[in-house]
Amino acid sequence: MNCRSSLFLLLVLVLDARAAEQSLAGSTVVIYNESVPESVQLAKFYAQQRGIERDHLVGLKCSTAEEISRQEYDTTISDPLRKIFKDRHWWTMEQTPDGKEKVATTAIHFAATIKGIPLKIRPTTEPYSGDEPGQGPIASH
């Protein structure tokens, strides 16, 4: 392989890596806790370093506890995220035969959660529809 071919191959690889990095950034959201100033700052820094657009920063008002209840998770994290994904057209929705709505396609493949977002959901003793295949909040909204 001559020098010119090697240089061309190197240029192609660099451009390909840059395009892959941009597609990763475009399919990533950064989720932070609006109630924690450090979380907001870290989210902005992380997004800037990774080339993630500002409209892919998602602030939630949720508990600062490491572990929260299923109900708190649904009302302060899951439901608001679902609404944001629909409103920002990151999800394409379709109707199921039984009249429910489900996610057909998604533009988001990665979520970076920043310090301040709860890490665990406490076990519940009550049955939870989200534990059943084809059930749960995404399939039922």
Foldseek 3Di string as FASTA:
>chain_A
DDPVVVVVVVVVVVVVVVVVLVLLLQQEAEEFEPVDPVRVVVSVVVCVVSVHDPLRYHYWHAAQDQEEAPVRCVPTPVVVVVVSQVVVVQFDWDADPVGAIATPHGSHDYYHYTRRDHNYHDDDPDDAQVVDPCTDDRRHD
